[in-house]
Amino acid sequence: MWVDRAGRQVAPPLGGAEVVATAILGGVVWESLVLVVVGGVHLLLRREVDRRRARLWDREWLRWCGNATTS
């Protein structure tokens, strides 16, 4: 039986395999979180760059072709 400093019964400490499994799980969760954040930032930046490129393309198109439309 394991007790804490106050004398209450507590669970026994983790064994070697449990420590390794917990560390691996923590690493996988942390890496997944980082990938989600980096991927989200990438998508946001990509969207803004694409919007800017589209605005510049439209501006150039109007500069060279005016407002004329073909039918």
N, C-alpha and C. Protein backbone atom coordinates (compact mmCIF):
# COMPACT_ATOMS: atom_id res chain seq x y z
N MET A 1 0.85 -1.17 0.00
CA MET A 1 0.00 0.00 0.00
C MET A 1 0.90 1.24 0.00
N TRP A 2 0.53 2.22 -0.85
CA TRP A 2 1.28 3.46 -0.96
C TRP A 2 0.47 4.58 -0.33
N VAL A 3 1.16 5.47 0.41
CA VAL A 3 0.49 6.60 1.05
C VAL A 3 1.27 7.86 0.74
N ASP A 4 0.56 9.00 0.77
CA ASP A 4 1.24 10.27 0.58
C ASP A 4 1.70 10.82 1.93
N ARG A 5 2.22 12.05 1.95
CA ARG A 5 2.75 12.63 3.18
C ARG A 5 1.70 12.83 4.26
N ALA A 6 0.45 12.96 3.81
CA ALA A 6 -0.64 13.15 4.78
C ALA A 6 -1.18 11.82 5.27
N GLY A 7 -0.65 10.72 4.75
CA GLY A 7 -1.10 9.40 5.18
C GLY A 7 -2.27 8.85 4.40
N ARG A 8 -2.68 9.54 3.34
CA ARG A 8 -3.79 9.04 2.52
C ARG A 8 -3.28 7.99 1.55
N GLN A 9 -4.11 7.02 1.26
CA GLN A 9 -3.73 5.97 0.32
C GLN A 9 -3.73 6.52 -1.10
N VAL A 10 -2.67 6.22 -1.84
CA VAL A 10 -2.53 6.69 -3.23
C VAL A 10 -2.13 5.51 -4.10
N ALA A 11 -2.22 5.73 -5.41
CA ALA A 11 -1.81 4.69 -6.36
C ALA A 11 -0.30 4.53 -6.32
N PRO A 12 0.19 3.36 -6.63
CA PRO A 12 1.65 3.17 -6.66
C PRO A 12 2.27 3.96 -7.80
N PRO A 13 3.56 4.26 -7.70
CA PRO A 13 4.22 5.01 -8.78
C PRO A 13 4.22 4.19 -10.07
N LEU A 14 4.35 4.91 -11.18
CA LEU A 14 4.36 4.25 -12.49
C LEU A 14 5.60 3.37 -12.62
N GLY A 15 5.44 2.27 -13.34
CA GLY A 15 6.57 1.40 -13.64
C GLY A 15 7.31 1.91 -14.87
N GLY A 16 8.39 1.24 -15.20
CA GLY A 16 9.22 1.67 -16.33
C GLY A 16 8.48 1.70 -17.64
N ALA A 17 7.71 0.66 -17.95
CA ALA A 17 6.96 0.61 -19.21
C ALA A 17 5.88 1.69 -19.25
N GLU A 18 5.26 1.92 -18.10
CA GLU A 18 4.21 2.97 -18.06
C GLU A 18 4.81 4.36 -18.28
N VAL A 19 5.99 4.58 -17.73
CA VAL A 19 6.67 5.87 -17.92
C VAL A 19 7.01 6.07 -19.40
N VAL A 20 7.53 5.02 -20.03
CA VAL A 20 7.89 5.11 -21.44
C VAL A 20 6.64 5.35 -22.29
N ALA A 21 5.57 4.61 -22.02
CA ALA A 21 4.33 4.77 -22.78
C ALA A 21 3.75 6.17 -22.60
N THR A 22 3.79 6.68 -21.38
CA THR A 22 3.28 8.04 -21.13
C THR A 22 4.13 9.08 -21.86
N ALA A 23 5.43 8.90 -21.86
CA ALA A 23 6.32 9.84 -22.56
C ALA A 23 6.07 9.81 -24.06
N ILE A 24 5.92 8.62 -24.62
CA ILE A 24 5.67 8.50 -26.06
C ILE A 24 4.33 9.14 -26.41
N LEU A 25 3.30 8.84 -25.63
CA LEU A 25 1.99 9.44 -25.88
C LEU A 25 2.05 10.96 -25.79
N GLY A 26 2.75 11.46 -24.77
CA GLY A 26 2.89 12.92 -24.64
C GLY A 26 3.60 13.53 -25.83
N GLY A 27 4.63 12.85 -26.32
CA GLY A 27 5.35 13.34 -27.49
C GLY A 27 4.50 13.35 -28.74
N VAL A 28 3.71 12.30 -28.92
CA VAL A 28 2.82 12.23 -30.09
C VAL A 28 1.76 13.33 -30.02
N VAL A 29 1.18 13.53 -28.85
CA VAL A 29 0.16 14.57 -28.70
C VAL A 29 0.78 15.95 -28.95
N TRP A 30 1.96 16.19 -28.39
CA TRP A 30 2.63 17.48 -28.57
C TRP A 30 2.96 17.71 -30.05
N GLU A 31 3.49 16.70 -30.72
CA GLU A 31 3.83 16.84 -32.13
C GLU A 31 2.58 17.09 -32.97
N SER A 32 1.50 16.41 -32.65
CA SER A 32 0.24 16.63 -33.38
C SER A 32 -0.26 18.05 -33.19
N LEU A 33 -0.18 18.55 -31.97
CA LEU A 33 -0.61 19.91 -31.70
C LEU A 33 0.22 20.92 -32.48
N VAL A 34 1.52 20.72 -32.49
CA VAL A 34 2.41 21.62 -33.25
C VAL A 34 2.08 21.57 -34.73
N LEU A 35 1.85 20.38 -35.27
CA LEU A 35 1.52 20.25 -36.69
C LEU A 35 0.20 20.94 -37.03
N VAL A 36 -0.77 20.84 -36.15
CA VAL A 36 -2.06 21.51 -36.39
C VAL A 36 -1.88 23.02 -36.38
N VAL A 37 -1.12 23.54 -35.43
CA VAL A 37 -0.90 24.99 -35.35
C VAL A 37 -0.12 25.48 -36.56
N VAL A 38 0.97 24.81 -36.89
CA VAL A 38 1.79 25.22 -38.04
C VAL A 38 0.98 25.10 -39.33
N GLY A 39 0.22 24.02 -39.47
CA GLY A 39 -0.62 23.86 -40.66
C GLY A 39 -1.68 24.95 -40.76
N GLY A 40 -2.28 25.31 -39.64
CA GLY A 40 -3.28 26.39 -39.64
C GLY A 40 -2.68 27.72 -40.03
N VAL A 41 -1.52 28.02 -39.48
CA VAL A 41 -0.85 29.28 -39.84
C VAL A 41 -0.49 29.27 -41.32
N HIS A 42 -0.01 28.14 -41.81
CA HIS A 42 0.33 28.03 -43.23
C HIS A 42 -0.90 28.30 -44.10
N LEU A 43 -2.03 27.69 -43.75
CA LEU A 43 -3.25 27.89 -44.55
C LEU A 43 -3.71 29.34 -44.52
N LEU A 44 -3.64 29.98 -43.36
CA LEU A 44 -4.04 31.39 -43.27
C LEU A 44 -3.14 32.28 -44.11
N LEU A 45 -1.83 32.06 -44.00
CA LEU A 45 -0.89 32.86 -44.81
C LEU A 45 -1.09 32.60 -46.29
N ARG A 46 -1.28 31.35 -46.65
CA ARG A 46 -1.48 31.01 -48.06
C ARG A 46 -2.73 31.69 -48.61
N ARG A 47 -3.81 31.70 -47.81
CA ARG A 47 -5.05 32.34 -48.24
C ARG A 47 -4.83 33.84 -48.49
N GLU A 48 -4.12 34.49 -47.58
CA GLU A 48 -3.87 35.92 -47.74
C GLU A 48 -2.99 36.20 -48.95
N VAL A 49 -1.98 35.39 -49.18
CA VAL A 49 -1.10 35.57 -50.33
C VAL A 49 -1.90 35.37 -51.62
N ASP A 50 -2.74 34.36 -51.65
CA ASP A 50 -3.57 34.11 -52.85
C ASP A 50 -4.54 35.26 -53.10
N ARG A 51 -5.13 35.79 -52.05
CA ARG A 51 -6.04 36.93 -52.22
C ARG A 51 -5.30 38.14 -52.78
N ARG A 52 -4.11 38.39 -52.24
CA ARG A 52 -3.32 39.53 -52.73
C ARG A 52 -2.93 39.33 -54.19
N ARG A 53 -2.52 38.12 -54.52
CA ARG A 53 -2.14 37.82 -55.90
C ARG A 53 -3.34 38.00 -56.84
N ALA A 54 -4.52 37.59 -56.40
CA ALA A 54 -5.72 37.75 -57.23
C ALA A 54 -6.05 39.23 -57.43
N ARG A 55 -5.91 40.03 -56.36
CA ARG A 55 -6.17 41.48 -56.50
C ARG A 55 -5.19 42.11 -57.48
N LEU A 56 -3.91 41.75 -57.39
CA LEU A 56 -2.91 42.30 -58.30
C LEU A 56 -3.18 41.83 -59.74
N TRP A 57 -3.56 40.59 -59.90
CA TRP A 57 -3.89 40.06 -61.22
C TRP A 57 -5.07 40.84 -61.82
N ASP A 58 -6.11 41.05 -61.02
CA ASP A 58 -7.27 41.80 -61.49
C ASP A 58 -6.89 43.23 -61.88
N ARG A 59 -6.05 43.85 -61.09
CA ARG A 59 -5.61 45.22 -61.36
C ARG A 59 -4.84 45.28 -62.68
N GLU A 60 -3.94 44.34 -62.89
CA GLU A 60 -3.19 44.30 -64.14
C GLU A 60 -4.10 44.01 -65.32
N TRP A 61 -5.03 43.10 -65.13
CA TRP A 61 -5.96 42.75 -66.20
C TRP A 61 -6.76 43.98 -66.62
N LEU A 62 -7.26 44.73 -65.66
CA LEU A 62 -8.01 45.95 -65.97
C LEU A 62 -7.10 46.99 -66.62
N ARG A 63 -5.86 47.05 -66.21
CA ARG A 63 -4.93 48.02 -66.79
C ARG A 63 -4.71 47.73 -68.27
N TRP A 64 -4.58 46.49 -68.63
CA TRP A 64 -4.29 46.14 -70.01
C TRP A 64 -5.53 45.98 -70.87
N CYS A 65 -6.61 45.51 -70.28
CA CYS A 65 -7.80 45.21 -71.12
C CYS A 65 -8.98 46.13 -70.81
N GLY A 66 -8.89 46.90 -69.81
CA GLY A 66 -9.99 47.79 -69.47
C GLY A 66 -11.18 47.00 -68.94
N ASN A 67 -12.36 47.59 -69.03
CA ASN A 67 -13.56 46.94 -68.53
C ASN A 67 -14.30 46.20 -69.62
N ALA A 68 -13.69 46.06 -70.80
CA ALA A 68 -14.37 45.41 -71.92
C ALA A 68 -14.58 43.93 -71.62
N THR A 69 -15.72 43.45 -72.00
CA THR A 69 -16.00 42.03 -71.87
C THR A 69 -16.27 41.45 -73.24
N THR A 70 -15.92 40.20 -73.41
CA THR A 70 -16.17 39.56 -74.71
C THR A 70 -17.43 38.70 -74.59
N SER A 71 -18.17 38.64 -75.68
CA SER A 71 -19.40 37.83 -75.68
C SER A 71 -19.27 36.72 -76.69
